Amino acid sequence: MGLQVVLLKSFINEKKIVAKDDQIEKLRLFENMVIETNEKFNLTNITSEPDFTIKHIIDSLVGVPYIPKNAKLLDIGTGAGFPSMPIAIIRPDVTVEAIDSTEKKINFVNRCAKELNVPNIKAMSIRAEEMPKDNKYDCIVARAVAALPILMELAVPILNIGGIFIAYKATQDELSDCKKAFKELNCELDNVVTLTLPNEDNRCLIIIKKIGETPDKYPRNYSQIKKKPL
């Protein structure tokens, strides 16, 4: 069991992602820590190779080329640290904050950051809708968390104007449900990036830019957001 280094290097070269040998080694050690800890409590259902490298490590990195330099970044629903930890390892210029409602997972991410010496990431146990509105981000990412209109309402209010939200999705189909969300939250579609992972799975990055202030009433509490998405 171990990081599929050849597969990873092939991907990062194809996507022109800069990665040093020590960064790839940290990704390998992080993978090992996830697998070992997963035996004690559930972090992920994907534990076999090469699935782990593709569906967790490589998939986390697909957004890296679109993250602004020196960005302050938030990962909503980070779980065991995806995509936050691979992003922090590969992009030391980015200040990464990762949130999740499960405290055990947050403790795990912070332990990994300390043991692997990844000083640019901090994890917190808090729900996205509870984040302080005066603490805004240049970039927000979310991977496999919720439907796009829900994610937009959680993310856009805490973006800086001009900042971007990158939603990791399998397709762009959910965009048709987001017309009201774009209007209400004062944001626009910036880009849609489609690609294929090494296992032939489809990946779509929906990149949304905030173009003006979001009304103070957003985000609503999560029960309202879920019951009646924008």
Protein backbone atom coordinates (compact mmCIF):
# COMPACT_ATOMS: atom_id res chain seq x y z
CA MET A 1 0.00 0.00 0.00
CA GLY A 2 1.40 3.37 -0.93
CA LEU A 3 1.15 6.49 -3.04
CA GLN A 4 1.23 5.75 -6.76
CA VAL A 5 4.12 8.14 -7.39
CA VAL A 6 4.44 7.48 -11.15
CA LEU A 7 0.72 8.12 -11.62
CA LEU A 8 0.88 11.28 -9.53
CA LYS A 9 3.97 12.66 -11.29
CA SER A 10 2.41 12.01 -14.69
CA PHE A 11 -0.67 13.96 -13.68
CA ILE A 12 1.14 16.96 -12.20
CA ASN A 13 3.43 17.16 -15.24
CA GLU A 14 0.43 17.06 -17.57
CA LYS A 15 -1.29 19.84 -15.62
CA LYS A 16 1.96 21.82 -15.29
CA ILE A 17 1.74 21.78 -11.49
CA VAL A 18 5.06 22.51 -9.78
CA ALA A 19 5.84 19.84 -7.17
CA LYS A 20 9.19 19.13 -5.52
CA ASP A 21 10.29 15.70 -4.35
CA ASP A 22 9.83 16.63 -0.69
CA GLN A 23 6.24 17.71 -1.41
CA ILE A 24 5.46 14.41 -3.11
CA GLU A 25 6.98 12.63 -0.12
CA LYS A 26 4.66 14.56 2.19
CA LEU A 27 1.71 13.49 0.07
CA ARG A 28 2.87 9.89 0.44
CA LEU A 29 3.21 10.22 4.21
CA PHE A 30 -0.19 11.91 4.43
CA GLU A 31 -1.79 9.03 2.53
CA ASN A 32 -0.18 6.56 4.94
CA MET A 33 -1.49 8.51 7.93
CA VAL A 34 -5.03 8.49 6.52
CA ILE A 35 -4.93 4.73 5.92
CA GLU A 36 -3.49 3.96 9.36
CA THR A 37 -5.94 6.21 11.19
CA ASN A 38 -8.82 4.85 9.12
CA GLU A 39 -8.36 1.51 10.91
CA LYS A 40 -9.27 3.20 14.21
CA PHE A 41 -12.15 5.39 13.04
CA ASN A 42 -13.76 5.99 9.68
CA LEU A 43 -12.13 8.68 7.56
CA THR A 44 -12.75 7.31 4.07
CA ASN A 45 -14.31 4.36 2.29
CA ILE A 46 -11.59 4.44 -0.36
CA THR A 47 -8.51 2.62 0.89
CA SER A 48 -7.25 0.53 -2.06
CA GLU A 49 -4.66 1.52 -4.63
CA PRO A 50 -4.61 3.12 -7.11
CA ASP A 51 -8.08 4.41 -6.17
CA PHE A 52 -6.80 6.33 -3.15
CA THR A 53 -4.14 8.21 -5.10
CA ILE A 54 -6.56 9.03 -7.92
CA LYS A 55 -9.79 9.74 -6.04
CA HIS A 56 -8.24 11.58 -3.09
CA ILE A 57 -4.75 12.93 -3.85
CA ILE A 58 -4.96 13.62 -7.60
CA ASP A 59 -8.59 14.70 -7.42
CA SER A 60 -7.71 17.19 -4.68
CA LEU A 61 -5.00 18.70 -6.86
CA VAL A 62 -7.11 19.33 -9.97
CA GLY A 63 -8.08 22.75 -8.60
CA VAL A 64 -4.50 23.86 -7.86
CA PRO A 65 -3.87 25.67 -11.19
CA TYR A 66 -6.91 27.89 -10.61
CA ILE A 67 -6.11 29.03 -7.06
CA PRO A 68 -4.74 32.62 -7.04
CA LYS A 69 -1.19 33.20 -5.81
CA ASN A 70 -0.83 33.91 -2.09
CA ALA A 71 -4.56 33.30 -1.63
CA LYS A 72 -6.33 32.93 1.67
CA LEU A 73 -8.31 29.74 1.05
CA LEU A 74 -11.14 27.95 2.86
CA ASP A 75 -12.07 24.29 2.36
CA ILE A 76 -15.71 23.62 3.31
CA GLY A 77 -16.35 20.08 4.55
CA THR A 78 -12.75 18.94 4.46
CA GLY A 79 -13.34 15.53 6.08
CA ALA A 80 -9.96 13.81 6.40
CA GLY A 81 -8.24 16.74 4.68
CA PHE A 82 -9.34 16.64 1.06
CA PRO A 83 -8.71 18.79 -0.85
CA SER A 84 -7.19 21.05 1.84
CA MET A 85 -4.07 19.07 2.79
CA PRO A 86 -2.84 18.23 -0.73
CA ILE A 87 -3.43 21.86 -1.72
CA ALA A 88 -1.50 23.13 1.32
CA ILE A 89 1.39 20.75 0.62
CA ILE A 90 1.69 21.65 -3.06
CA ARG A 91 0.94 25.38 -2.65
CA PRO A 92 2.95 26.72 0.33
CA ASP A 93 2.10 30.27 -0.85
CA VAL A 94 -1.57 29.66 0.02
CA THR A 95 -2.94 30.05 3.56
CA VAL A 96 -5.41 27.21 4.00
CA GLU A 97 -8.20 26.97 6.54
CA ALA A 98 -10.23 23.76 6.60
CA ILE A 99 -13.57 23.29 8.33
CA ASP A 100 -15.71 20.29 9.14
CA SER A 101 -18.39 19.55 11.72
CA THR A 102 -16.70 16.29 12.83
CA GLU A 103 -14.14 17.12 15.51
CA LYS A 104 -12.24 13.82 15.19
CA LYS A 105 -11.50 14.59 11.55
CA ILE A 106 -10.41 18.13 12.37
CA ASN A 107 -8.06 16.84 15.07
CA PHE A 108 -6.61 14.40 12.54
CA VAL A 109 -5.96 17.14 9.96
CA ASN A 110 -4.23 19.33 12.54
CA ARG A 111 -2.11 16.39 13.71
CA CYS A 112 -1.04 15.69 10.13
CA ALA A 113 -0.16 19.35 9.60
CA LYS A 114 2.07 19.29 12.68
CA GLU A 115 3.75 15.93 12.04
CA LEU A 116 4.33 16.58 8.33
CA ASN A 117 5.43 20.19 8.92
CA VAL A 118 2.76 21.84 6.78
CA PRO A 119 2.51 25.20 8.58
CA ASN A 120 0.14 26.89 6.10
CA ILE A 121 -2.95 24.86 7.05
CA LYS A 122 -5.24 25.09 10.07
CA ALA A 123 -8.40 23.03 10.63
CA MET A 124 -11.41 24.08 12.70
CA SER A 125 -14.58 22.33 13.85
CA ILE A 126 -17.29 24.72 12.73
CA ARG A 127 -20.18 24.71 10.28
CA ALA A 128 -19.82 26.90 7.19
CA GLU A 129 -22.96 28.93 7.92
CA GLU A 130 -21.52 29.82 11.33
CA MET A 131 -18.32 31.35 9.94
CA PRO A 132 -17.87 35.03 10.88
CA LYS A 133 -18.80 37.29 8.00
CA ASP A 134 -15.92 39.68 8.66
CA ASN A 135 -13.40 36.90 7.95
CA LYS A 136 -13.36 36.71 4.16
CA TYR A 137 -11.41 34.57 1.70
CA ASP A 138 -9.84 34.94 -1.74
CA CYS A 139 -10.74 31.37 -2.68
CA ILE A 140 -13.13 28.77 -1.29
CA VAL A 141 -13.22 25.12 -2.33
CA ALA A 142 -15.70 22.32 -1.64
CA ARG A 143 -15.54 18.72 -2.78
CA ALA A 144 -18.41 16.20 -2.61
CA VAL A 145 -20.27 18.10 0.11
CA ALA A 146 -23.72 19.24 -1.09
CA ALA A 147 -25.75 20.45 -4.06
CA LEU A 148 -24.34 23.51 -5.83
CA PRO A 149 -27.04 26.06 -4.82
CA ILE A 150 -26.50 25.07 -1.17
CA LEU A 151 -22.73 25.35 -1.48
CA MET A 152 -23.01 28.74 -3.15
CA GLU A 153 -25.03 30.16 -0.26
CA LEU A 154 -22.47 28.84 2.23
CA ALA A 155 -19.42 30.05 0.30
CA VAL A 156 -20.16 33.29 -1.53
CA PRO A 157 -21.06 35.44 1.53
CA ILE A 158 -17.56 34.90 2.98
CA LEU A 159 -15.67 35.54 -0.25
CA ASN A 160 -13.89 38.80 -0.92
CA ILE A 161 -15.32 40.70 -3.89
CA GLY A 162 -13.38 39.34 -6.87
CA GLY A 163 -12.73 36.10 -5.01
CA ILE A 164 -13.61 32.70 -6.45
CA PHE A 165 -15.46 29.62 -5.30
CA ILE A 166 -14.31 26.32 -6.84
CA ALA A 167 -16.89 23.54 -6.61
CA TYR A 168 -15.53 20.07 -7.36
CA LYS A 169 -18.30 18.21 -9.23
CA ALA A 170 -18.67 15.28 -11.62
CA THR A 171 -20.63 17.34 -14.18
CA GLN A 172 -21.94 20.87 -14.67
CA ASP A 173 -25.57 19.73 -14.67
CA GLU A 174 -26.36 21.51 -11.38
CA LEU A 175 -25.69 24.92 -12.94
CA SER A 176 -29.21 24.94 -14.37
CA ASP A 177 -30.52 25.06 -10.78
CA CYS A 178 -28.44 28.08 -9.80
CA LYS A 179 -29.93 31.05 -11.65
CA LYS A 180 -31.54 32.50 -8.53
CA ALA A 181 -28.42 31.85 -6.45
CA PHE A 182 -26.21 33.79 -8.87
CA LYS A 183 -28.59 36.75 -8.76
CA GLU A 184 -29.28 36.75 -5.01
CA LEU A 185 -25.67 36.25 -3.92
CA ASN A 186 -24.13 38.73 -6.39
CA CYS A 187 -21.83 36.36 -8.25
CA GLU A 188 -21.25 35.05 -11.77
CA LEU A 189 -19.95 31.97 -13.51
CA ASP A 190 -16.25 32.51 -14.19
CA ASN A 191 -15.23 29.19 -15.74
CA VAL A 192 -16.15 25.55 -16.12
CA VAL A 193 -13.20 23.16 -16.35
CA THR A 194 -13.87 19.58 -17.42
CA LEU A 195 -11.25 16.87 -17.27
CA THR A 196 -10.83 13.14 -16.92
CA LEU A 197 -9.00 11.53 -14.00
CA PRO A 198 -6.50 8.71 -14.67
CA ASN A 199 -9.22 6.11 -13.92
CA GLU A 200 -11.48 7.71 -16.57
CA ASP A 201 -13.81 9.29 -13.99
CA ASN A 202 -15.15 12.68 -15.04
CA ARG A 203 -14.29 15.76 -13.00
CA CYS A 204 -15.78 19.22 -13.42
CA LEU A 205 -14.59 22.35 -11.66
CA ILE A 206 -17.29 25.01 -11.50
CA ILE A 207 -15.56 28.31 -10.79
CA ILE A 208 -17.76 31.14 -9.54
CA LYS A 209 -16.64 34.75 -9.00
CA LYS A 210 -18.12 37.16 -6.48
CA ILE A 211 -18.85 40.47 -8.20
CA GLY A 212 -20.52 42.50 -5.44
CA GLU A 213 -21.58 42.52 -1.81
CA THR A 214 -23.84 39.68 -0.70
CA PRO A 215 -26.98 40.73 1.22
CA ASP A 216 -26.55 40.36 5.00
CA LYS A 217 -29.41 37.85 5.25
CA TYR A 218 -27.18 35.20 3.65
CA PRO A 219 -26.29 32.58 4.57
CA ARG A 220 -29.49 31.48 6.27
CA ASN A 221 -29.38 28.73 8.87
CA TYR A 222 -28.67 25.34 7.35
CA SER A 223 -32.16 23.89 7.86
CA GLN A 224 -33.58 26.76 5.79
CA ILE A 225 -30.89 26.43 3.12
CA LYS A 226 -31.50 22.70 2.78
CA LYS A 227 -35.30 22.94 2.90
CA LYS A 228 -35.51 25.74 0.35
CA PRO A 229 -32.27 26.22 -1.65
CA LEU A 230 -31.93 29.40 -3.68
